[in-house]
């Protein structure tokens, strides 16, 4: 499997990152099967978060690593400081609390990649970077990043870090997919737009995309007259996205692959380092993603897929 480099991390990061938001104790056998298969095909990075399945996602990953004795081979990406019913929680106290809990659940003393799950623009970047650097110095975190932060806030944070001899963000994890969202899928979410991608090209900061396959938009299960899935209709149904689907189908036919594999290849053939968080739940889905990750697209093909100008 192809890999990318994240500054500060000795291990490389697999271009496919196994998602775990369906991991629970009730389906632990499935968790083990999915993770065993993912690592057998060359993957090494697992995405989780403090709030996934009330903590069960991190707990099952921790149990699996203990049983396999493979912690040193695994790249853990977990996230914290998500907002709750009371509002934003991007502050030193919440970060420390969530991180400590996550480490306990994962049965480890460090996280390879730690991302802030949301942002709070009312908190100065200096406060956030200072807090995260304390955990880096203590060995609890190796590399830091942000999920759902604007590129302007990321730049501000990294400018502060550079000016003060601190470690800045070495990756970002917004949504990036061939289907462009009409609006945020969930409150506080950020999708990489043209300006964001241009910033990533300029800085070469790795982008780890969540919902990289747009909720299955390119599977063939959705059409303008299929309105049962209200969330998909709200987020992804647009004339421009139907044209992107048509183009993905056209290119897939030429290359002898599937449209959803083309959509995945789009994410992984950017002008900057990128990886895709995948929600594969069985071997067939994982193998499809692996095949998609190996498709090479030219810059012209990437541009043709995404740049839809409707008259």
C-alpha atoms as a PDB file:
ATOM      1  CA  UNK A   1       0.000   0.000   0.000  1.00  0.00           C
ATOM      2  CA  UNK A   2       1.226   3.494  -0.764  1.00  0.00           C
ATOM      3  CA  UNK A   3       2.216   5.683   2.170  1.00  0.00           C
ATOM      4  CA  UNK A   4       2.823   9.339   2.984  1.00  0.00           C
ATOM      5  CA  UNK A   5       5.067  11.084   5.466  1.00  0.00           C
ATOM      6  CA  UNK A   6       3.822  13.221   8.350  1.00  0.00           C
ATOM      7  CA  UNK A   7       6.405  15.503   9.920  1.00  0.00           C
ATOM      8  CA  UNK A   8       7.489  14.340  13.359  1.00  0.00           C
ATOM      9  CA  UNK A   9       6.402  10.749  12.856  1.00  0.00           C
ATOM     10  CA  UNK A  10       9.046   8.100  12.123  1.00  0.00           C
ATOM     11  CA  UNK A  11       6.517   5.610  10.776  1.00  0.00           C
ATOM     12  CA  UNK A  12       4.925   6.311   7.424  1.00  0.00           C
ATOM     13  CA  UNK A  13       1.143   6.671   7.205  1.00  0.00           C
ATOM     14  CA  UNK A  14      -0.768   4.367   4.869  1.00  0.00           C
ATOM     15  CA  UNK A  15      -2.681   6.243   2.175  1.00  0.00           C
ATOM     16  CA  UNK A  16      -5.800   4.373   3.289  1.00  0.00           C
ATOM     17  CA  UNK A  17      -6.778   4.932   6.916  1.00  0.00           C
ATOM     18  CA  UNK A  18      -9.246   2.460   8.371  1.00  0.00           C
ATOM     19  CA  UNK A  19     -12.236   4.174   9.952  1.00  0.00           C
ATOM     20  CA  UNK A  20     -13.662   2.845  13.197  1.00  0.00           C
ATOM     21  CA  UNK A  21     -16.891   4.675  13.890  1.00  0.00           C
ATOM     22  CA  UNK A  22     -18.740   1.332  13.737  1.00  0.00           C
ATOM     23  CA  UNK A  23     -16.421  -0.390  16.245  1.00  0.00           C
ATOM     24  CA  UNK A  24     -18.277  -1.581  19.364  1.00  0.00           C
ATOM     25  CA  UNK A  25     -17.784  -4.377  21.891  1.00  0.00           C
ATOM     26  CA  UNK A  26     -20.878  -6.094  20.513  1.00  0.00           C
ATOM     27  CA  UNK A  27     -19.188  -6.582  17.125  1.00  0.00           C
ATOM     28  CA  UNK A  28     -15.658  -7.156  18.432  1.00  0.00           C
ATOM     29  CA  UNK A  29     -15.144 -10.203  16.214  1.00  0.00           C
ATOM     30  CA  UNK A  30     -15.917  -8.005  13.203  1.00  0.00           C
ATOM     31  CA  UNK A  31     -13.524  -5.342  14.501  1.00  0.00           C
ATOM     32  CA  UNK A  32     -10.732  -7.924  14.654  1.00  0.00           C
ATOM     33  CA  UNK A  33     -11.509  -9.258  11.189  1.00  0.00           C
ATOM     34  CA  UNK A  34     -11.562  -5.786   9.644  1.00  0.00           C
ATOM     35  CA  UNK A  35      -8.325  -4.710  11.308  1.00  0.00           C
ATOM     36  CA  UNK A  36      -6.510  -7.994  10.637  1.00  0.00           C
ATOM     37  CA  UNK A  37      -7.452  -7.788   6.961  1.00  0.00           C
ATOM     38  CA  UNK A  38      -6.511  -4.124   6.722  1.00  0.00           C
ATOM     39  CA  UNK A  39      -3.037  -4.754   8.115  1.00  0.00           C
ATOM     40  CA  UNK A  40      -2.598  -7.870   5.971  1.00  0.00           C
ATOM     41  CA  UNK A  41      -3.107  -5.745   2.862  1.00  0.00           C
ATOM     42  CA  UNK A  42      -0.471  -3.246   3.963  1.00  0.00           C
ATOM     43  CA  UNK A  43      -2.444  -0.656   5.906  1.00  0.00           C
ATOM     44  CA  UNK A  44      -1.107   0.597   9.219  1.00  0.00           C
ATOM     45  CA  UNK A  45      -3.213   3.617  10.282  1.00  0.00           C
ATOM     46  CA  UNK A  46      -6.517   3.578  12.183  1.00  0.00           C
ATOM     47  CA  UNK A  47      -8.786   6.591  12.672  1.00  0.00           C
ATOM     48  CA  UNK A  48     -10.791   6.935  15.862  1.00  0.00           C
ATOM     49  CA  UNK A  49     -11.963   9.647  18.265  1.00  0.00           C
ATOM     50  CA  UNK A  50     -12.793  10.311  21.898  1.00  0.00           C
ATOM     51  CA  UNK A  51     -16.517  10.465  21.145  1.00  0.00           C
ATOM     52  CA  UNK A  52     -16.898   7.556  18.690  1.00  0.00           C
ATOM     53  CA  UNK A  53     -19.455   5.078  20.000  1.00  0.00           C
ATOM     54  CA  UNK A  54     -19.195   6.500  23.499  1.00  0.00           C
ATOM     55  CA  UNK A  55     -15.583   5.393  23.721  1.00  0.00           C
ATOM     56  CA  UNK A  56     -16.116   1.862  22.442  1.00  0.00           C
ATOM     57  CA  UNK A  57     -14.187   2.568  19.246  1.00  0.00           C
ATOM     58  CA  UNK A  58     -10.995   3.392  21.142  1.00  0.00           C
ATOM     59  CA  UNK A  59     -11.581   0.583  23.644  1.00  0.00           C
ATOM     60  CA  UNK A  60     -11.918  -2.119  20.982  1.00  0.00           C
ATOM     61  CA  UNK A  61      -8.818  -0.859  19.155  1.00  0.00           C
ATOM     62  CA  UNK A  62      -6.882  -0.950  22.424  1.00  0.00           C
ATOM     63  CA  UNK A  63      -8.057  -4.490  23.130  1.00  0.00           C
ATOM     64  CA  UNK A  64      -7.112  -5.603  19.614  1.00  0.00           C
ATOM     65  CA  UNK A  65      -3.615  -4.112  19.900  1.00  0.00           C
ATOM     66  CA  UNK A  66      -3.082  -5.791  23.273  1.00  0.00           C
ATOM     67  CA  UNK A  67      -4.192  -9.168  21.953  1.00  0.00           C
ATOM     68  CA  UNK A  68      -2.024  -8.863  18.836  1.00  0.00           C
ATOM     69  CA  UNK A  69       0.951  -7.310  20.642  1.00  0.00           C
ATOM     70  CA  UNK A  70       1.426  -4.952  17.704  1.00  0.00           C
ATOM     71  CA  UNK A  71       1.272  -1.450  19.160  1.00  0.00           C
ATOM     72  CA  UNK A  72       4.645  -0.509  17.682  1.00  0.00           C
ATOM     73  CA  UNK A  73       3.357  -1.323  14.174  1.00  0.00           C
ATOM     74  CA  UNK A  74       0.152   0.707  14.421  1.00  0.00           C
ATOM     75  CA  UNK A  75      -0.331   4.398  13.662  1.00  0.00           C
ATOM     76  CA  UNK A  76      -3.188   5.640  15.811  1.00  0.00           C
ATOM     77  CA  UNK A  77      -5.040   8.780  14.749  1.00  0.00           C
ATOM     78  CA  UNK A  78      -7.426   9.871  17.449  1.00  0.00           C
ATOM     79  CA  UNK A  79      -9.244  13.132  17.997  1.00  0.00           C
ATOM     80  CA  UNK A  80     -10.447  15.109  20.982  1.00  0.00           C
ATOM     81  CA  UNK A  81     -11.917  18.425  22.122  1.00  0.00           C
ATOM     82  CA  UNK A  82     -15.159  17.936  20.202  1.00  0.00           C
ATOM     83  CA  UNK A  83     -17.972  20.234  21.251  1.00  0.00           C
ATOM     84  CA  UNK A  84     -20.728  18.867  23.515  1.00  0.00           C
ATOM     85  CA  UNK A  85     -24.190  19.982  24.561  1.00  0.00           C
ATOM     86  CA  UNK A  86     -22.711  22.944  26.425  1.00  0.00           C
ATOM     87  CA  UNK A  87     -20.796  24.225  23.391  1.00  0.00           C
ATOM     88  CA  UNK A  88     -17.153  24.347  22.225  1.00  0.00           C
ATOM     89  CA  UNK A  89     -14.473  22.536  24.251  1.00  0.00           C
ATOM     90  CA  UNK A  90     -11.250  23.512  22.473  1.00  0.00           C
ATOM     91  CA  UNK A  91      -9.270  24.490  25.555  1.00  0.00           C
ATOM     92  CA  UNK A  92      -6.325  23.090  27.547  1.00  0.00           C
ATOM     93  CA  UNK A  93      -8.508  21.456  30.199  1.00  0.00           C
ATOM     94  CA  UNK A  94     -10.719  19.602  27.716  1.00  0.00           C
ATOM     95  CA  UNK A  95      -7.731  18.570  25.589  1.00  0.00           C
ATOM     96  CA  UNK A  96      -5.914  17.127  28.613  1.00  0.00           C
ATOM     97  CA  UNK A  97      -9.014  15.325  29.871  1.00  0.00           C
ATOM     98  CA  UNK A  98      -9.953  13.816  26.515  1.00  0.00           C
ATOM     99  CA  UNK A  99      -6.385  12.771  25.754  1.00  0.00           C
ATOM    100  CA  UNK A 100      -5.948  11.052  29.127  1.00  0.00           C
ATOM    101  CA  UNK A 101      -9.197   9.157  28.636  1.00  0.00           C
ATOM    102  CA  UNK A 102      -8.265   8.168  25.088  1.00  0.00           C
ATOM    103  CA  UNK A 103      -4.870   6.850  26.176  1.00  0.00           C
ATOM    104  CA  UNK A 104      -6.536   4.722  28.854  1.00  0.00           C
ATOM    105  CA  UNK A 105      -9.055   3.281  26.421  1.00  0.00           C
ATOM    106  CA  UNK A 106      -6.375   2.577  23.813  1.00  0.00           C
ATOM    107  CA  UNK A 107      -4.153   0.952  26.463  1.00  0.00           C
ATOM    108  CA  UNK A 108      -1.156   2.941  25.311  1.00  0.00           C
ATOM    109  CA  UNK A 109       0.979   5.764  26.666  1.00  0.00           C
ATOM    110  CA  UNK A 110       1.151   7.738  23.426  1.00  0.00           C
ATOM    111  CA  UNK A 111      -0.847   8.651  20.320  1.00  0.00           C
ATOM    112  CA  UNK A 112       0.947   8.835  16.977  1.00  0.00           C
ATOM    113  CA  UNK A 113      -1.365  11.451  15.448  1.00  0.00           C
ATOM    114  CA  UNK A 114      -3.574  13.608  17.655  1.00  0.00           C
ATOM    115  CA  UNK A 115      -6.107  15.954  16.076  1.00  0.00           C
ATOM    116  CA  UNK A 116      -8.444  18.525  17.529  1.00  0.00           C
ATOM    117  CA  UNK A 117     -11.862  17.366  16.354  1.00  0.00           C
ATOM    118  CA  UNK A 118     -13.285  20.874  16.058  1.00  0.00           C
ATOM    119  CA  UNK A 119     -12.153  24.475  16.326  1.00  0.00           C
ATOM    120  CA  UNK A 120     -13.204  27.380  18.502  1.00  0.00           C
ATOM    121  CA  UNK A 121     -12.128  30.617  16.843  1.00  0.00           C
ATOM    122  CA  UNK A 122     -12.643  32.460  20.126  1.00  0.00           C
ATOM    123  CA  UNK A 123      -9.626  30.675  21.610  1.00  0.00           C
ATOM    124  CA  UNK A 124      -6.249  32.125  20.521  1.00  0.00           C
ATOM    125  CA  UNK A 125      -4.053  29.688  18.621  1.00  0.00           C
ATOM    126  CA  UNK A 126      -1.269  30.436  21.097  1.00  0.00           C
ATOM    127  CA  UNK A 127      -3.270  28.870  23.933  1.00  0.00           C
ATOM    128  CA  UNK A 128      -3.993  25.752  21.882  1.00  0.00           C
ATOM    129  CA  UNK A 129      -0.478  25.258  20.507  1.00  0.00           C
ATOM    130  CA  UNK A 130       1.071  25.814  23.936  1.00  0.00           C
ATOM    131  CA  UNK A 131      -1.227  23.184  25.473  1.00  0.00           C
ATOM    132  CA  UNK A 132      -0.566  20.612  22.746  1.00  0.00           C
ATOM    133  CA  UNK A 133       3.183  21.134  23.005  1.00  0.00           C
ATOM    134  CA  UNK A 134       3.072  20.258  26.691  1.00  0.00           C
ATOM    135  CA  UNK A 135       1.699  16.844  25.728  1.00  0.00           C
ATOM    136  CA  UNK A 136       4.309  16.441  22.994  1.00  0.00           C
ATOM    137  CA  UNK A 137       7.104  17.168  25.470  1.00  0.00           C
ATOM    138  CA  UNK A 138       5.582  14.659  27.898  1.00  0.00           C
ATOM    139  CA  UNK A 139       5.594  11.975  25.193  1.00  0.00           C
ATOM    140  CA  UNK A 140       1.831  11.567  25.105  1.00  0.00           C
ATOM    141  CA  UNK A 141       1.560  12.802  21.499  1.00  0.00           C
ATOM    142  CA  UNK A 142       4.023  12.456  18.629  1.00  0.00           C
ATOM    143  CA  UNK A 143       2.443  14.658  15.938  1.00  0.00           C
ATOM    144  CA  UNK A 144      -0.449  17.106  16.139  1.00  0.00           C
ATOM    145  CA  UNK A 145      -3.064  18.099  13.604  1.00  0.00           C
ATOM    146  CA  UNK A 146      -6.524  19.531  13.295  1.00  0.00           C
ATOM    147  CA  UNK A 147      -9.767  18.199  11.930  1.00  0.00           C
ATOM    148  CA  UNK A 148     -12.271  20.716  10.581  1.00  0.00           C
ATOM    149  CA  UNK A 149     -10.060  23.774  10.937  1.00  0.00           C
ATOM    150  CA  UNK A 150      -9.902  26.422   8.230  1.00  0.00           C
ATOM    151  CA  UNK A 151      -6.597  26.728   6.435  1.00  0.00           C
ATOM    152  CA  UNK A 152      -6.287  30.312   7.671  1.00  0.00           C
ATOM    153  CA  UNK A 153      -6.437  29.161  11.298  1.00  0.00           C
ATOM    154  CA  UNK A 154      -3.977  26.371  10.562  1.00  0.00           C
ATOM    155  CA  UNK A 155      -1.561  28.887   9.074  1.00  0.00           C
ATOM    156  CA  UNK A 156      -1.997  31.234  12.021  1.00  0.00           C
ATOM    157  CA  UNK A 157      -1.270  28.390  14.438  1.00  0.00           C
ATOM    158  CA  UNK A 158       1.799  27.261  12.547  1.00  0.00           C
ATOM    159  CA  UNK A 159       3.110  30.812  12.259  1.00  0.00           C
ATOM    160  CA  UNK A 160       2.841  31.127  16.040  1.00  0.00           C
ATOM    161  CA  UNK A 161       4.578  27.794  16.554  1.00  0.00           C
ATOM    162  CA  UNK A 162       7.425  28.698  14.189  1.00  0.00           C
ATOM    163  CA  UNK A 163       7.945  32.090  15.831  1.00  0.00           C
ATOM    164  CA  UNK A 164       8.164  30.540  19.285  1.00  0.00           C
ATOM    165  CA  UNK A 165      10.208  27.408  18.651  1.00  0.00           C
ATOM    166  CA  UNK A 166       7.226  25.119  19.115  1.00  0.00           C
ATOM    167  CA  UNK A 167       5.807  22.182  17.184  1.00  0.00           C
ATOM    168  CA  UNK A 168       2.980  23.171  14.875  1.00  0.00           C
ATOM    169  CA  UNK A 169       0.306  21.201  13.110  1.00  0.00           C
ATOM    170  CA  UNK A 170       1.797  18.629  10.749  1.00  0.00           C
ATOM    171  CA  UNK A 171      -1.454  17.461   9.166  1.00  0.00           C
ATOM    172  CA  UNK A 172      -5.025  18.543   8.593  1.00  0.00           C
ATOM    173  CA  UNK A 173      -8.132  16.391   8.392  1.00  0.00           C
ATOM    174  CA  UNK A 174     -11.050  18.104   6.687  1.00  0.00           C
ATOM    175  CA  UNK A 175     -13.442  16.518   4.217  1.00  0.00           C
ATOM    176  CA  UNK A 176     -12.156  16.214   0.666  1.00  0.00           C
ATOM    177  CA  UNK A 177     -14.164  14.300  -1.901  1.00  0.00           C
ATOM    178  CA  UNK A 178     -15.041  14.432  -5.571  1.00  0.00           C
ATOM    179  CA  UNK A 179     -18.665  15.180  -4.673  1.00  0.00           C
ATOM    180  CA  UNK A 180     -18.694  18.725  -3.301  1.00  0.00           C
ATOM    181  CA  UNK A 181     -21.058  19.293  -0.356  1.00  0.00           C
ATOM    182  CA  UNK A 182     -23.850  21.855  -0.614  1.00  0.00           C
ATOM    183  CA  UNK A 183     -23.489  22.540   3.095  1.00  0.00           C
ATOM    184  CA  UNK A 184     -21.706  21.070   6.122  1.00  0.00           C
ATOM    185  CA  UNK A 185     -22.647  17.464   6.733  1.00  0.00           C
ATOM    186  CA  UNK A 186     -22.419  17.996  10.487  1.00  0.00           C
ATOM    187  CA  UNK A 187     -22.183  21.188  12.531  1.00  0.00           C
ATOM    188  CA  UNK A 188     -18.694  22.649  12.594  1.00  0.00           C
ATOM    189  CA  UNK A 189     -17.399  20.514   9.740  1.00  0.00           C
ATOM    190  CA  UNK A 190     -15.003  21.865   7.130  1.00  0.00           C
ATOM    191  CA  UNK A 191     -14.653  20.677   3.539  1.00  0.00           C
ATOM    192  CA  UNK A 192     -11.550  21.505   1.528  1.00  0.00           C
ATOM    193  CA  UNK A 193     -12.453  24.060  -1.127  1.00  0.00           C
ATOM    194  CA  UNK A 194     -10.296  25.408  -3.955  1.00  0.00           C
ATOM    195  CA  UNK A 195      -8.488  27.883  -1.689  1.00  0.00           C
ATOM    196  CA  UNK A 196      -7.811  25.203   0.908  1.00  0.00           C
ATOM    197  CA  UNK A 197      -6.366  22.839  -1.688  1.00  0.00           C
ATOM    198  CA  UNK A 198      -4.196  25.633  -3.076  1.00  0.00           C
ATOM    199  CA  UNK A 199      -2.879  26.251   0.444  1.00  0.00           C
ATOM    200  CA  UNK A 200      -2.087  22.554   0.867  1.00  0.00           C
ATOM    201  CA  UNK A 201      -0.292  22.593  -2.478  1.00  0.00           C
ATOM    202  CA  UNK A 202       1.767  25.589  -1.368  1.00  0.00           C
ATOM    203  CA  UNK A 203       2.617  24.247   2.094  1.00  0.00           C
ATOM    204  CA  UNK A 204       2.622  20.515   1.210  1.00  0.00           C
ATOM    205  CA  UNK A 205       0.897  19.864   4.533  1.00  0.00           C
ATOM    206  CA  UNK A 206      -0.637  16.373   4.387  1.00  0.00           C
ATOM    207  CA  UNK A 207      -4.420  16.179   4.172  1.00  0.00           C
ATOM    208  CA  UNK A 208      -6.201  13.189   5.720  1.00  0.00           C
ATOM    209  CA  UNK A 209      -9.704  13.268   4.277  1.00  0.00           C
ATOM    210  CA  UNK A 210     -12.740  12.083   6.176  1.00  0.00           C
ATOM    211  CA  UNK A 211     -15.783  10.954   4.182  1.00  0.00           C
ATOM    212  CA  UNK A 212     -13.409  10.638   1.255  1.00  0.00           C
ATOM    213  CA  UNK A 213     -15.996   8.714  -0.777  1.00  0.00           C
ATOM    214  CA  UNK A 214     -18.827  11.151  -0.036  1.00  0.00           C
ATOM    215  CA  UNK A 215     -20.993   8.724   1.884  1.00  0.00           C
ATOM    216  CA  UNK A 216     -21.130   6.321  -1.055  1.00  0.00           C
ATOM    217  CA  UNK A 217     -22.375   8.903  -3.560  1.00  0.00           C
ATOM    218  CA  UNK A 218     -20.481   7.150  -6.359  1.00  0.00           C
ATOM    219  CA  UNK A 219     -21.699   3.609  -5.612  1.00  0.00           C
ATOM    220  CA  UNK A 220     -24.673   3.803  -7.962  1.00  0.00           C
ATOM    221  CA  UNK A 221     -27.116   3.733  -5.055  1.00  0.00           C
ATOM    222  CA  UNK A 222     -28.113   7.368  -5.493  1.00  0.00           C
ATOM    223  CA  UNK A 223     -29.919   9.197  -8.292  1.00  0.00           C
ATOM    224  CA  UNK A 224     -31.853  12.478  -8.626  1.00  0.00           C
ATOM    225  CA  UNK A 225     -35.149  10.653  -8.138  1.00  0.00           C
ATOM    226  CA  UNK A 226     -34.009   8.631  -5.117  1.00  0.00           C
ATOM    227  CA  UNK A 227     -34.857  10.862  -2.183  1.00  0.00           C
ATOM    228  CA  UNK A 228     -35.059   8.405   0.724  1.00  0.00           C
ATOM    229  CA  UNK A 229     -31.756   9.434   2.306  1.00  0.00           C
ATOM    230  CA  UNK A 230     -32.467  12.971   3.484  1.00  0.00           C
ATOM    231  CA  UNK A 231     -28.890  13.650   4.585  1.00  0.00           C
ATOM    232  CA  UNK A 232     -27.416  12.656   1.232  1.00  0.00           C
ATOM    233  CA  UNK A 233     -30.041  14.745  -0.575  1.00  0.00           C
ATOM    234  CA  UNK A 234     -29.247  17.760   1.593  1.00  0.00           C
ATOM    235  CA  UNK A 235     -25.477  17.489   1.366  1.00  0.00           C
ATOM    236  CA  UNK A 236     -24.637  16.055  -2.038  1.00  0.00           C
ATOM    237  CA  UNK A 237     -27.587  16.303  -4.432  1.00  0.00           C
ATOM    238  CA  UNK A 238     -26.728  18.967  -6.991  1.00  0.00           C
ATOM    239  CA  UNK A 239     -26.510  19.243 -10.760  1.00  0.00           C
ATOM    240  CA  UNK A 240     -22.744  19.700 -10.528  1.00  0.00           C
ATOM    241  CA  UNK A 241     -22.314  16.509  -8.500  1.00  0.00           C
ATOM    242  CA  UNK A 242     -24.470  14.497 -10.906  1.00  0.00           C
ATOM    243  CA  UNK A 243     -22.145  15.673 -13.665  1.00  0.00           C
ATOM    244  CA  UNK A 244     -19.122  14.644 -11.574  1.00  0.00           C
ATOM    245  CA  UNK A 245     -20.728  11.231 -11.142  1.00  0.00           C
ATOM    246  CA  UNK A 246     -21.247  10.980 -14.884  1.00  0.00           C
ATOM    247  CA  UNK A 247     -17.605  11.881 -15.515  1.00  0.00           C
ATOM    248  CA  UNK A 248     -16.442   9.371 -12.897  1.00  0.00           C
ATOM    249  CA  UNK A 249     -18.495   6.695 -14.643  1.00  0.00           C
ATOM    250  CA  UNK A 250     -17.012   7.661 -18.012  1.00  0.00           C
ATOM    251  CA  UNK A 251     -13.426   7.587 -16.748  1.00  0.00           C
ATOM    252  CA  UNK A 252     -14.037   4.367 -14.807  1.00  0.00           C
ATOM    253  CA  UNK A 253     -15.225   2.656 -17.981  1.00  0.00           C
ATOM    254  CA  UNK A 254     -12.067   3.745 -19.815  1.00  0.00           C
ATOM    255  CA  UNK A 255      -9.813   2.456 -17.041  1.00  0.00           C
ATOM    256  CA  UNK A 256     -11.758  -0.730 -16.314  1.00  0.00           C
ATOM    257  CA  UNK A 257     -12.525   0.199 -12.718  1.00  0.00           C
ATOM    258  CA  UNK A 258     -15.593   1.375 -10.770  1.00  0.00           C
ATOM    259  CA  UNK A 259     -16.791   4.979 -10.302  1.00  0.00           C
ATOM    260  CA  UNK A 260     -16.261   4.849  -6.541  1.00  0.00           C
ATOM    261  CA  UNK A 261     -12.663   3.771  -7.139  1.00  0.00           C
ATOM    262  CA  UNK A 262     -12.226   6.800  -9.387  1.00  0.00           C
ATOM    263  CA  UNK A 263     -13.669   8.984  -6.607  1.00  0.00           C
ATOM    264  CA  UNK A 264     -11.127   7.541  -4.172  1.00  0.00           C
ATOM    265  CA  UNK A 265      -8.298   7.977  -6.672  1.00  0.00           C
ATOM    266  CA  UNK A 266      -9.299  11.635  -7.014  1.00  0.00           C
ATOM    267  CA  UNK A 267      -8.572  12.185  -3.308  1.00  0.00           C
ATOM    268  CA  UNK A 268      -5.239  10.358  -3.500  1.00  0.00           C
ATOM    269  CA  UNK A 269      -3.955  12.052  -6.672  1.00  0.00           C
ATOM    270  CA  UNK A 270      -3.808  15.614  -5.406  1.00  0.00           C
ATOM    271  CA  UNK A 271      -0.855  17.974  -5.778  1.00  0.00           C
ATOM    272  CA  UNK A 272      -0.025  17.509  -2.081  1.00  0.00           C
ATOM    273  CA  UNK A 273       0.318  14.472   0.217  1.00  0.00           C
ATOM    274  CA  UNK A 274      -3.089  12.998   0.949  1.00  0.00           C
ATOM    275  CA  UNK A 275      -4.666   9.991   2.601  1.00  0.00           C
ATOM    276  CA  UNK A 276      -8.257   8.804   2.687  1.00  0.00           C
ATOM    277  CA  UNK A 277     -10.240   7.691   5.712  1.00  0.00           C
ATOM    278  CA  UNK A 278     -12.343   4.734   4.579  1.00  0.00           C
ATOM    279  CA  UNK A 279     -15.368   3.124   6.191  1.00  0.00           C
ATOM    280  CA  UNK A 280     -14.830  -0.358   4.707  1.00  0.00           C
ATOM    281  CA  UNK A 281     -16.574  -3.023   6.781  1.00  0.00           C
ATOM    282  CA  UNK A 282     -15.602  -6.201   4.945  1.00  0.00           C
ATOM    283  CA  UNK A 283     -12.829  -7.652   2.802  1.00  0.00           C
ATOM    284  CA  UNK A 284     -14.518  -6.866  -0.514  1.00  0.00           C
ATOM    285  CA  UNK A 285     -14.869  -3.185   0.393  1.00  0.00           C
ATOM    286  CA  UNK A 286     -11.282  -3.049   1.641  1.00  0.00           C
ATOM    287  CA  UNK A 287      -9.950  -4.664  -1.531  1.00  0.00           C
ATOM    288  CA  UNK A 288     -11.963  -2.249  -3.646  1.00  0.00           C
ATOM    289  CA  UNK A 289     -10.388   0.644  -1.747  1.00  0.00           C
ATOM    290  CA  UNK A 290      -6.918  -0.844  -2.150  1.00  0.00           C
ATOM    291  CA  UNK A 291      -7.430  -1.144  -5.905  1.00  0.00           C
ATOM    292  CA  UNK A 292      -8.746   2.427  -6.029  1.00  0.00           C
ATOM    293  CA  UNK A 293      -5.719   3.698  -4.126  1.00  0.00           C
ATOM    294  CA  UNK A 294      -3.433   2.325  -6.823  1.00  0.00           C
ATOM    295  CA  UNK A 295      -5.127   4.151  -9.714  1.00  0.00           C
ATOM    296  CA  UNK A 296      -3.014   6.912 -11.186  1.00  0.00           C
ATOM    297  CA  UNK A 297      -4.802  10.033 -12.423  1.00  0.00           C
ATOM    298  CA  UNK A 298      -3.105  12.796 -14.346  1.00  0.00           C
ATOM    299  CA  UNK A 299      -3.502  16.399 -13.149  1.00  0.00           C
ATOM    300  CA  UNK A 300      -5.676  16.954 -16.216  1.00  0.00           C
ATOM    301  CA  UNK A 301      -7.958  14.063 -15.258  1.00  0.00           C
ATOM    302  CA  UNK A 302      -8.269  15.363 -11.703  1.00  0.00           C
ATOM    303  CA  UNK A 303      -9.198  18.816 -13.004  1.00  0.00           C
ATOM    304  CA  UNK A 304     -11.678  17.389 -15.511  1.00  0.00           C
ATOM    305  CA  UNK A 305     -13.413  15.351 -12.817  1.00  0.00           C
ATOM    306  CA  UNK A 306     -13.904  18.229 -10.402  1.00  0.00           C
ATOM    307  CA  UNK A 307     -14.199  21.390 -12.485  1.00  0.00           C
ATOM    308  CA  UNK A 308     -17.812  21.335 -13.637  1.00  0.00           C
ATOM    309  CA  UNK A 309     -19.124  24.476 -15.299  1.00  0.00           C
ATOM    310  CA  UNK A 310     -22.858  24.218 -15.814  1.00  0.00           C
ATOM    311  CA  UNK A 311     -24.482  26.570 -18.314  1.00  0.00           C
END
